[in-house]
C-alpha atoms as a PDB file:
ATOM      1  CA  MET A   1     132.605  93.807 124.227  1.00  0.00           C
ATOM      2  CA  GLU A   2     133.098  96.563 121.704  1.00  0.00           C
ATOM      3  CA  THR A   3     135.700  96.311 118.984  1.00  0.00           C
ATOM      4  CA  THR A   4     138.394  98.868 118.283  1.00  0.00           C
ATOM      5  CA  ARG A   5     136.501 100.056 115.209  1.00  0.00           C
ATOM      6  CA  GLN A   6     133.313 100.576 117.222  1.00  0.00           C
ATOM      7  CA  ASN A   7     135.228 102.592 119.803  1.00  0.00           C
ATOM      8  CA  ARG A   8     136.882 104.779 117.150  1.00  0.00           C
ATOM      9  CA  ILE A   9     133.588 105.506 115.418  1.00  0.00           C
ATOM     10  CA  ALA A  10     131.819 106.144 118.732  1.00  0.00           C
ATOM     11  CA  ARG A  11     134.503 108.676 119.738  1.00  0.00           C
ATOM     12  CA  LEU A  12     134.256 110.382 116.337  1.00  0.00           C
ATOM     13  CA  ILE A  13     130.468 110.656 116.615  1.00  0.00           C
ATOM     14  CA  GLN A  14     130.740 111.871 120.227  1.00  0.00           C
ATOM     15  CA  LYS A  15     133.151 114.637 119.212  1.00  0.00           C
ATOM     16  CA  GLU A  16     131.039 115.793 116.285  1.00  0.00           C
ATOM     17  CA  LEU A  17     127.755 115.660 118.237  1.00  0.00           C
ATOM     18  CA  SER A  18     129.365 117.701 121.012  1.00  0.00           C
ATOM     19  CA  ASP A  19     130.325 120.357 118.493  1.00  0.00           C
ATOM     20  CA  ILE A  20     126.838 120.334 116.920  1.00  0.00           C
ATOM     21  CA  PHE A  21     125.101 120.741 120.293  1.00  0.00           C
ATOM     22  CA  GLN A  22     127.529 123.420 121.402  1.00  0.00           C
ATOM     23  CA  LYS A  23     126.652 125.508 118.348  1.00  0.00           C
ATOM     24  CA  GLN A  24     122.905 124.856 118.658  1.00  0.00           C
ATOM     25  CA  THR A  25     122.684 125.679 122.364  1.00  0.00           C
ATOM     26  CA  SER A  26     124.813 128.815 122.158  1.00  0.00           C
ATOM     27  CA  ALA A  27     121.612 130.762 121.425  1.00  0.00           C
ATOM     28  CA  MET A  28     119.904 129.342 124.531  1.00  0.00           C
ATOM     29  CA  ARG A  29     121.249 131.182 127.559  1.00  0.00           C
ATOM     30  CA  GLY A  30     121.876 129.115 130.670  1.00  0.00           C
ATOM     31  CA  VAL A  31     121.658 125.687 128.989  1.00  0.00           C
ATOM     32  CA  LEU A  32     124.604 123.354 128.535  1.00  0.00           C
ATOM     33  CA  VAL A  33     124.365 120.030 126.689  1.00  0.00           C
ATOM     34  CA  SER A  34     127.338 117.691 126.697  1.00  0.00           C
ATOM     35  CA  VAL A  35     127.704 114.261 125.140  1.00  0.00           C
ATOM     36  CA  CYS A  36     128.956 111.910 127.856  1.00  0.00           C
ATOM     37  CA  THR A  37     129.246 108.671 125.902  1.00  0.00           C
ATOM     38  CA  CYS A  38     128.258 107.152 122.606  1.00  0.00           C
ATOM     39  CA  ARG A  39     127.736 103.451 122.047  1.00  0.00           C
ATOM     40  CA  ILE A  40     127.424 102.062 118.554  1.00  0.00           C
ATOM     41  CA  SER A  41     125.896  98.744 117.548  1.00  0.00           C
ATOM     42  CA  PRO A  42     128.141  96.038 116.041  1.00  0.00           C
ATOM     43  CA  ASP A  43     126.663  96.587 112.564  1.00  0.00           C
ATOM     44  CA  MET A  44     127.303 100.368 112.875  1.00  0.00           C
ATOM     45  CA  SER A  45     123.659 101.198 112.158  1.00  0.00           C
ATOM     46  CA  VAL A  46     122.487 102.532 115.539  1.00  0.00           C
ATOM     47  CA  CYS A  47     124.262 104.915 117.877  1.00  0.00           C
ATOM     48  CA  ARG A  48     123.035 105.529 121.427  1.00  0.00           C
ATOM     49  CA  ALA A  49     124.198 108.919 122.672  1.00  0.00           C
ATOM     50  CA  TYR A  50     123.986 109.741 126.383  1.00  0.00           C
ATOM     51  CA  LEU A  51     123.618 113.466 127.015  1.00  0.00           C
ATOM     52  CA  SER A  52     124.171 115.405 130.189  1.00  0.00           C
ATOM     53  CA  VAL A  53     122.037 118.545 130.438  1.00  0.00           C
ATOM     54  CA  PHE A  54     122.581 121.482 132.762  1.00  0.00           C
ATOM     55  CA  PRO A  55     120.317 122.551 134.440  1.00  0.00           C
ATOM     56  CA  SER A  56     119.087 119.031 135.074  1.00  0.00           C
ATOM     57  CA  ASP A  57     115.475 120.104 135.711  1.00  0.00           C
ATOM     58  CA  ARG A  58     115.140 120.930 131.975  1.00  0.00           C
ATOM     59  CA  ALA A  59     116.757 117.669 130.828  1.00  0.00           C
ATOM     60  CA  ALA A  60     113.550 115.889 129.821  1.00  0.00           C
ATOM     61  CA  GLU A  61     112.334 118.880 127.811  1.00  0.00           C
ATOM     62  CA  ILE A  62     115.645 119.305 125.976  1.00  0.00           C
ATOM     63  CA  ILE A  63     116.065 115.586 125.222  1.00  0.00           C
ATOM     64  CA  GLN A  64     112.510 115.492 123.890  1.00  0.00           C
ATOM     65  CA  ASN A  65     113.299 118.479 121.649  1.00  0.00           C
ATOM     66  CA  ILE A  66     116.516 116.836 120.415  1.00  0.00           C
ATOM     67  CA  ASN A  67     114.675 113.584 119.661  1.00  0.00           C
ATOM     68  CA  LYS A  68     112.051 115.561 117.762  1.00  0.00           C
ATOM     69  CA  ASN A  69     114.801 117.130 115.611  1.00  0.00           C
ATOM     70  CA  GLN A  70     116.814 113.917 115.339  1.00  0.00           C
ATOM     71  CA  ARG A  71     116.688 113.901 111.532  1.00  0.00           C
ATOM     72  CA  GLN A  72     118.289 117.343 111.323  1.00  0.00           C
ATOM     73  CA  VAL A  73     121.023 116.326 113.777  1.00  0.00           C
ATOM     74  CA  ARG A  74     121.713 113.177 111.747  1.00  0.00           C
ATOM     75  CA  PHE A  75     121.872 115.244 108.544  1.00  0.00           C
ATOM     76  CA  GLU A  76     124.362 117.647 110.131  1.00  0.00           C
ATOM     77  CA  LEU A  77     126.403 114.693 111.411  1.00  0.00           C
ATOM     78  CA  GLY A  78     126.356 113.188 107.923  1.00  0.00           C
ATOM     79  CA  ASN A  79     127.726 116.408 106.447  1.00  0.00           C
ATOM     80  CA  ARG A  80     130.606 116.309 108.926  1.00  0.00           C
ATOM     81  CA  VAL A  81     131.587 112.620 108.837  1.00  0.00           C
ATOM     82  CA  GLY A  82     130.217 111.559 105.462  1.00  0.00           C
ATOM     83  CA  LYS A  83     133.714 111.105 104.021  1.00  0.00           C
ATOM     84  CA  GLN A  84     134.772 108.853 106.907  1.00  0.00           C
ATOM     85  CA  LEU A  85     131.717 106.609 107.322  1.00  0.00           C
ATOM     86  CA  ARG A  86     129.864 104.632 104.714  1.00  0.00           C
ATOM     87  CA  ILE A  87     126.564 104.651 106.622  1.00  0.00           C
ATOM     88  CA  ILE A  88     125.544 107.397 109.033  1.00  0.00           C
ATOM     89  CA  PRO A  89     124.021 105.559 112.007  1.00  0.00           C
ATOM     90  CA  GLU A  90     120.530 106.165 113.321  1.00  0.00           C
ATOM     91  CA  LEU A  91     120.798 108.319 116.437  1.00  0.00           C
ATOM     92  CA  LYS A  92     119.011 107.695 119.720  1.00  0.00           C
ATOM     93  CA  PHE A  93     119.424 110.150 122.570  1.00  0.00           C
ATOM     94  CA  PHE A  94     119.136 109.394 126.283  1.00  0.00           C
ATOM     95  CA  VAL A  95     119.653 111.391 129.463  1.00  0.00           C
ATOM     96  CA  ASP A  96     122.853 110.570 131.337  1.00  0.00           C
ATOM     97  CA  ASP A  97     121.913 111.134 134.953  1.00  0.00           C
ATOM     98  CA  SER A  98     125.040 109.607 136.490  1.00  0.00           C
ATOM     99  CA  LEU A  99     126.146 112.984 137.919  1.00  0.00           C
ATOM    100  CA  ASP A 100     122.773 113.498 139.602  1.00  0.00           C
ATOM    101  CA  TYR A 101     122.935 109.951 140.946  1.00  0.00           C
ATOM    102  CA  ALA A 102     126.440 110.498 142.348  1.00  0.00           C
ATOM    103  CA  GLU A 103     125.323 113.753 143.960  1.00  0.00           C
ATOM    104  CA  HIS A 104     122.344 111.987 145.535  1.00  0.00           C
ATOM    105  CA  ILE A 105     124.591 109.231 146.941  1.00  0.00           C
ATOM    106  CA  ASP A 106     126.969 111.878 148.285  1.00  0.00           C
ATOM    107  CA  GLU A 107     124.081 113.626 150.069  1.00  0.00           C
ATOM    108  CA  LEU A 108     122.954 110.333 151.579  1.00  0.00           C
ATOM    109  CA  LEU A 109     126.451 109.598 152.870  1.00  0.00           C
ATOM    110  CA  LYS A 110     126.725 113.020 154.512  1.00  0.00           C
ATOM    111  CA  LYS A 111     123.630 112.411 156.668  1.00  0.00           C
END
């Protein structure tokens, strides 16, 4: 169970990452990246961010690109929240495919 502090920091990181990705993907037409959830470890050193990518067929490519540039994203995050956090957590990005899963279940139920 996550503590109140973990939840506050996770929401802060989620908000800032959303803003970072919105600015980075504005140059890429037809691609939308949103941060669904962030989970932070109890020692505040690792943050797992779950990203939803539209269109979903390019999700693996975009997540791979984000993971490749993870250091730059962490640096940008550090510039934004450096006054609020003592340690900027290591970022790990994963695809959040819950919307695709729900759509698949909905299609199965319609048959």
